[in-house]
Amino acid sequence: MEWADEGTIIGLKAHGESAVILEVMTREHGRHLGLVRGGRSQKAQPVLQPGNSVALSWRARLDEHLGEYKVELLTSHAARLIAAPVALYGLATVSGLLRLLPERDPHPGLYEGLSVLIAHLDEPSLAPALVIRFELAMLSELGFGLDLARCAVTGSPDDLSHVSPKSGKAVSRRAAQPYLDRLLSLPAFLVEGQGARAPSPADLVAGFALTAHFLRRHLFEPRGLPEPPERARLVEFAARAMPESSTV
């Protein structure tokens, strides 16, 4: 068995004295692991860094085997990402989510979303909102998507301000009034046509709280997993770092 593909490195761990097991989100083969012989060498280490874009060839005797990777660097992002705390927290958060995907199951939409995210992950004015959107995309890809297009009560797409924690459907400001203590806030930047300006720190905190509720309910708790600590650090960073006056 053999194939060639492109991907973004999301993790690696030592194997034996000199090899590593490389975890890559690939374009056509989804989240895929493979052995890289000599992966701990000084020559290989700068290439095999999370966030880097690589060209891969994978080979195994049988499809169900771990197999071996040959790796060629396409674009180095690691040095840029390491220099920005928001990027480190964001990459760890997103990589942790991707590990919840079944291995070798293609998700081209998430692959493209990850590529966009990596390109802007070191930009504090963009990265937190992009991570929130990626989390929403992850929920949707796994069958737990939120319906943020129109009010669950009136059917109108106007003035959406909250989300039902049970159904994941949006609720308009007027319809939400009797139930404010039971609903989740929906920041305007997540509503089509309402996000003309960049989100404020309060918007970002609300966005992370929204996705956290459904990530815990559908992904973390059924697997007995806690929320990744890096995500909490990312929320803290976003709350204090996002300029109030930023525009898009």
Protein backbone atom coordinates (compact mmCIF):
# COMPACT_ATOMS: atom_id res chain seq x y z
CA MET A 1 0.00 0.00 0.00
CA GLU A 2 1.31 3.43 -0.92
CA TRP A 3 0.03 6.97 -1.42
CA ALA A 4 1.24 10.58 -1.63
CA ASP A 5 -0.54 13.56 -0.11
CA GLU A 6 -0.08 16.95 1.54
CA GLY A 7 -0.84 17.81 5.13
CA THR A 8 -0.30 19.88 8.27
CA ILE A 9 1.59 18.35 11.17
CA ILE A 10 -0.51 18.33 14.35
CA GLY A 11 1.67 16.20 16.63
CA LEU A 12 4.47 13.69 17.07
CA LYS A 13 5.91 11.44 19.75
CA ALA A 14 9.20 9.66 20.16
CA HIS A 15 9.41 6.02 19.12
CA GLY A 16 12.46 3.98 19.98
CA GLU A 17 15.89 5.60 19.94
CA SER A 18 15.66 7.72 16.80
CA ALA A 19 12.21 7.50 15.20
CA VAL A 20 8.99 9.41 15.76
CA ILE A 21 5.34 8.67 15.13
CA LEU A 22 4.07 11.63 13.13
CA GLU A 23 0.43 12.74 13.24
CA VAL A 24 -0.72 14.75 10.23
CA MET A 25 -4.02 16.20 9.07
CA THR A 26 -3.87 15.36 5.38
CA ARG A 27 -5.89 16.65 2.46
CA GLU A 28 -7.20 13.31 1.15
CA HIS A 29 -6.52 10.81 3.97
CA GLY A 30 -7.72 12.72 7.02
CA ARG A 31 -5.90 12.45 10.32
CA HIS A 32 -3.19 9.92 9.62
CA LEU A 33 -0.25 8.58 11.62
CA GLY A 34 2.99 7.13 10.32
CA LEU A 35 6.50 6.24 11.46
CA VAL A 36 9.38 8.52 10.47
CA ARG A 37 12.72 6.79 10.82
CA GLY A 38 15.43 9.19 11.95
CA GLY A 39 12.76 11.69 12.88
CA ARG A 40 14.66 12.79 15.99
CA SER A 41 17.78 13.77 14.10
CA GLN A 42 18.98 17.38 13.97
CA LYS A 43 18.19 17.50 10.26
CA ALA A 44 14.63 16.21 10.65
CA GLN A 45 13.56 18.10 13.77
CA PRO A 46 13.04 21.53 12.12
CA VAL A 47 10.80 19.87 9.51
CA LEU A 48 8.75 17.71 11.87
CA GLN A 49 7.22 20.57 13.87
CA PRO A 50 3.50 21.09 14.57
CA GLY A 51 2.00 23.62 12.18
CA ASN A 52 4.38 22.92 9.31
CA SER A 53 2.95 22.10 5.89
CA VAL A 54 4.52 18.98 4.39
CA ALA A 55 4.41 16.68 1.40
CA LEU A 56 4.09 13.04 2.40
CA SER A 57 4.56 9.63 0.93
CA TRP A 58 3.22 6.75 3.03
CA ARG A 59 3.93 3.07 2.57
CA ALA A 60 2.85 -0.07 4.42
CA ARG A 61 2.55 -3.74 3.59
CA LEU A 62 -1.12 -3.72 4.61
CA ASP A 63 -3.53 -0.81 4.79
CA GLU A 64 -4.25 -1.36 8.50
CA HIS A 65 -0.55 -1.13 9.46
CA LEU A 66 0.99 2.04 10.93
CA GLY A 67 3.23 2.41 7.89
CA GLU A 68 6.18 4.70 7.27
CA TYR A 69 6.28 8.31 6.16
CA LYS A 70 8.75 10.07 3.93
CA VAL A 71 8.39 13.78 4.58
CA GLU A 72 9.33 16.88 2.61
CA LEU A 73 8.83 20.38 3.98
CA LEU A 74 6.53 22.59 1.90
CA THR A 75 6.07 25.62 4.17
CA SER A 76 7.62 26.20 7.56
CA HIS A 77 5.20 27.84 9.99
CA ALA A 78 6.63 26.57 13.26
CA ALA A 79 9.12 29.38 13.97
CA ARG A 80 6.44 32.02 13.39
CA LEU A 81 3.89 30.21 15.53
CA ILE A 82 6.28 29.50 18.41
CA ALA A 83 6.92 33.22 18.77
CA ALA A 84 3.23 34.00 19.47
CA PRO A 85 1.51 32.66 22.61
CA VAL A 86 -1.93 32.94 20.99
CA ALA A 87 -0.67 30.69 18.20
CA LEU A 88 0.65 28.06 20.59
CA TYR A 89 -2.61 27.92 22.53
CA GLY A 90 -4.66 27.95 19.34
CA LEU A 91 -2.66 25.21 17.63
CA ALA A 92 -2.81 22.97 20.71
CA THR A 93 -6.56 23.56 21.01
CA VAL A 94 -7.30 22.75 17.38
CA SER A 95 -4.92 19.78 17.29
CA GLY A 96 -6.67 18.33 20.33
CA LEU A 97 -10.00 18.60 18.55
CA LEU A 98 -8.68 16.98 15.39
CA ARG A 99 -7.52 14.00 17.44
CA LEU A 100 -11.16 13.26 18.15
CA LEU A 101 -11.70 12.49 14.47
CA PRO A 102 -11.60 8.86 13.38
CA GLU A 103 -8.18 8.14 11.94
CA ARG A 104 -7.92 7.99 8.14
CA ASP A 105 -11.38 9.50 7.62
CA PRO A 106 -11.13 12.35 5.05
CA HIS A 107 -12.46 15.75 6.11
CA PRO A 108 -11.47 18.14 3.30
CA GLY A 109 -13.42 21.05 4.77
CA LEU A 110 -11.59 20.81 8.08
CA TYR A 111 -8.29 20.45 6.25
CA GLU A 112 -8.89 23.69 4.35
CA GLY A 113 -10.08 25.40 7.52
CA LEU A 114 -6.91 24.32 9.31
CA SER A 115 -4.79 25.74 6.49
CA VAL A 116 -6.51 29.13 6.78
CA LEU A 117 -6.17 29.03 10.54
CA ILE A 118 -2.45 28.24 10.43
CA ALA A 119 -1.86 31.21 8.11
CA HIS A 120 -3.34 33.64 10.68
CA LEU A 121 -2.82 31.88 13.97
CA ASP A 122 -0.13 34.31 15.14
CA GLU A 123 -2.39 37.35 14.62
CA PRO A 124 -4.14 38.19 17.93
CA SER A 125 -6.81 40.23 16.13
CA LEU A 126 -7.86 37.27 13.97
CA ALA A 127 -6.84 33.99 15.61
CA PRO A 128 -9.40 33.67 18.45
CA ALA A 129 -12.40 34.25 16.17
CA LEU A 130 -10.97 31.80 13.63
CA VAL A 131 -10.57 29.14 16.32
CA ILE A 132 -14.20 29.62 17.37
CA ARG A 133 -15.32 29.22 13.76
CA PHE A 134 -13.16 26.11 13.46
CA GLU A 135 -14.81 24.65 16.55
CA LEU A 136 -18.22 25.27 15.01
CA ALA A 137 -17.03 23.59 11.81
CA MET A 138 -15.77 20.64 13.82
CA LEU A 139 -19.14 20.23 15.51
CA SER A 140 -20.90 20.41 12.16
CA GLU A 141 -18.54 17.91 10.55
CA LEU A 142 -19.29 15.37 13.28
CA GLY A 143 -23.05 15.82 12.99
CA PHE A 144 -23.64 18.27 15.84
CA GLY A 145 -23.84 21.50 13.88
CA LEU A 146 -25.59 24.55 15.28
CA ASP A 147 -28.42 26.21 13.36
CA LEU A 148 -27.57 29.92 13.43
CA ALA A 149 -29.45 30.95 10.28
CA ARG A 150 -32.86 31.85 11.73
CA CYS A 151 -34.84 32.09 14.95
CA ALA A 152 -36.17 28.79 16.23
CA VAL A 153 -39.32 30.54 17.50
CA THR A 154 -40.23 33.02 14.74
CA GLY A 155 -38.33 31.62 11.76
CA SER A 156 -36.87 35.06 11.09
CA PRO A 157 -33.15 35.57 10.32
CA ASP A 158 -33.18 39.03 11.92
CA ASP A 159 -31.65 40.19 15.22
CA LEU A 160 -30.42 36.79 16.36
CA SER A 161 -28.86 37.11 19.81
CA HIS A 162 -29.00 33.77 21.67
CA VAL A 163 -28.79 30.01 21.20
CA SER A 164 -30.79 27.25 22.86
CA PRO A 165 -28.39 25.04 24.85
CA LYS A 166 -30.61 22.03 24.12
CA SER A 167 -31.36 22.33 20.41
CA GLY A 168 -28.39 24.39 19.24
CA LYS A 169 -30.78 26.69 17.35
CA ALA A 170 -30.60 30.48 17.29
CA VAL A 171 -33.19 32.69 19.00
CA SER A 172 -33.97 36.32 18.20
CA ARG A 173 -33.54 39.03 20.80
CA ARG A 174 -37.27 39.56 21.27
CA ALA A 175 -38.13 35.87 21.50
CA ALA A 176 -35.28 35.31 23.95
CA GLN A 177 -36.42 37.86 26.54
CA PRO A 178 -38.48 35.48 28.75
CA TYR A 179 -35.69 32.87 28.77
CA LEU A 180 -32.46 34.87 29.06
CA ASP A 181 -31.27 32.92 32.10
CA ARG A 182 -31.52 29.64 30.16
CA LEU A 183 -29.98 30.66 26.83
CA LEU A 184 -26.42 31.04 25.54
CA SER A 185 -25.30 34.36 24.07
CA LEU A 186 -24.74 34.48 20.32
CA PRO A 187 -22.14 37.11 19.38
CA ALA A 188 -22.86 39.06 16.21
CA PHE A 189 -19.66 37.98 14.43
CA LEU A 190 -21.06 34.43 14.20
CA VAL A 191 -24.28 35.56 12.51
CA GLU A 192 -24.27 36.02 8.76
CA GLY A 193 -24.81 39.67 7.90
CA GLN A 194 -24.30 40.90 11.46
CA GLY A 195 -20.52 40.67 11.80
CA ALA A 196 -19.35 43.82 9.98
CA ARG A 197 -16.92 44.77 12.76
CA ALA A 198 -14.31 42.63 14.43
CA PRO A 199 -15.46 41.01 17.69
CA SER A 200 -14.77 42.65 21.04
CA PRO A 201 -13.20 40.69 23.92
CA ALA A 202 -16.72 40.16 25.31
CA ASP A 203 -17.85 38.78 21.93
CA LEU A 204 -14.93 36.34 21.88
CA VAL A 205 -15.58 35.14 25.43
CA ALA A 206 -19.25 34.60 24.51
CA GLY A 207 -18.22 32.73 21.35
CA PHE A 208 -15.88 30.44 23.27
CA ALA A 209 -18.57 29.84 25.91
CA LEU A 210 -21.03 28.91 23.17
CA THR A 211 -18.76 26.38 21.48
CA ALA A 212 -17.52 25.05 24.84
CA HIS A 213 -21.05 24.05 25.84
CA PHE A 214 -21.58 21.92 22.75
CA LEU A 215 -18.01 20.58 22.64
CA ARG A 216 -18.39 19.32 26.20
CA ARG A 217 -21.85 17.90 25.54
CA HIS A 218 -21.11 16.12 22.28
CA LEU A 219 -17.35 15.48 22.16
CA PHE A 220 -15.55 15.71 25.49
CA GLU A 221 -17.99 14.29 28.06
CA PRO A 222 -19.08 11.23 26.01
CA ARG A 223 -15.40 10.29 25.80
CA GLY A 224 -14.69 11.10 29.45
CA LEU A 225 -12.29 13.86 28.42
CA PRO A 226 -11.69 17.23 30.10
CA GLU A 227 -11.54 20.45 28.14
CA PRO A 228 -7.93 20.96 26.98
CA PRO A 229 -6.09 23.36 29.34
CA GLU A 230 -4.66 25.20 26.33
CA ARG A 231 -8.17 26.21 25.36
CA ALA A 232 -8.73 27.92 28.71
CA ARG A 233 -5.47 29.82 28.23
CA LEU A 234 -6.58 30.83 24.74
CA VAL A 235 -9.85 32.21 26.13
CA GLU A 236 -7.93 34.21 28.74
CA PHE A 237 -5.56 35.55 26.11
CA ALA A 238 -8.37 36.53 23.77
CA ALA A 239 -10.26 38.32 26.53
CA ARG A 240 -7.36 40.59 27.38
CA ALA A 241 -5.58 40.91 24.02
CA MET A 242 -8.28 41.69 21.51
CA PRO A 243 -8.30 45.43 20.74
CA GLU A 244 -11.73 46.95 21.32
CA SER A 245 -11.38 49.25 18.31
CA SER A 246 -10.20 46.67 15.75
CA THR A 247 -12.06 46.51 12.44
CA VAL A 248 -12.10 44.09 9.56
